[in-house]
Amino acid sequence: MSRLNRENAFSLIEPQINAQGIHVWPFDPAFPLDVRFYRWDKHHHIRMNRHDYFEIFYLQAGELVCRIQDREQRMRSGDLAVINSTQYHTIQLPEKPKTSRQVRAAALYFLPELLHASDASGDNLEYLTPFLMQDAGFPHIIKSSTGIPAQVFDEIKRIHKAMPALSTRTRLTIKTYLKMILILLINHYADCEGTVQTFSRKQRAIEQLAPLFDFLETNYKEPVSVARAAALLHLSESHFMRLFKQVTGQSFVRYLNHFRVAKAERLLATTELSVAEVSQAVGFCDQSYFGLVFRSLVHITPLQYKRQYSAR
């Protein structure tokens, strides 16, 4: 595993996150499952996002902080995170790591229909229970001390070795390894009290915000107040703020700032625009405020960022 060509997590994931905060993964439509191996760098933080696929994330070395909605939990070597498609989350380096080890991780992504699309009986849906029952108190992190993460990682390595899934036999093999992982998770979460209805409720709440996310994709350069966002969804401001925090784990203003800063990072690194021009281009009317927000999220100034990354 040490000889794997690891990808930079920020460079691969962040550009694929849209205004809805959805990370869109380029699956093979015939077999929507993938395994990736990542590394992290200290100046880049992936913003809060969700995805249509289910994710099993294994930390091989180092430390990371996993934030899901408004909860944060530190991950250490050997820990595992289990994340469904409705949870806004991010996994990033801690501000004060307790170890200098390079962060290495593996991620297994798959669309749920991989298992249940051709299952008329519905039995395969039971394999997805650990993902469908994820309520606000769900324990997403499985500690290495349980022994479960190491067993799951063994199966992830078997899946990676078997890929690409070009034949019927290979696809059957990979599905079998995936089901072995899911059985491990089902047994681990046997005492959790969440229900599959939790997943449906969260999906409906996400769908309610869809018109706003569509609006932001093309109008983030304009002033977008809480009042305007609430009016777009035909909600009172108080109801809108509660709903937005419930769905994304962030306030609307913080979400919008993260989105605009992500756009700014790309412009600073890939264009000749000045910091002032970038500030205007992403919707910050005040360059000083842009600098404060940027530094609070990226931990260096926009000018330092441009000097460090624009030549790459």
Foldseek 3Di string as FASTA:
>chain_A
DVPDDAAEPCVVFQVQQFLLQEREDDADVVFFKDKHKHWYDQQDWRAWHFYQKWKKKAWQAFKKWKAWQQDIDIAHHQKIFTEHRQITITIGHDPDGPDPDTTMMMMMIGHLCNQPVPPPVCPSVVLCWLHLQDDPPRPRMDHNVVVLSVLLVVLSVVLVVLDDPPDPVSSVVNVVSVSVNSVSVCVVCVPPDGDNVRNVVSVVLSVLLVVVSVCCRPCQLEDDDLCNSCVSSVHDSVVSQVSVSNRNSDGPVLSSLVVLLSQLLVCLQAHPDDLVRSCNRRHNPDSVVNQVSNCVNSVDGSVVSSVVRNVD
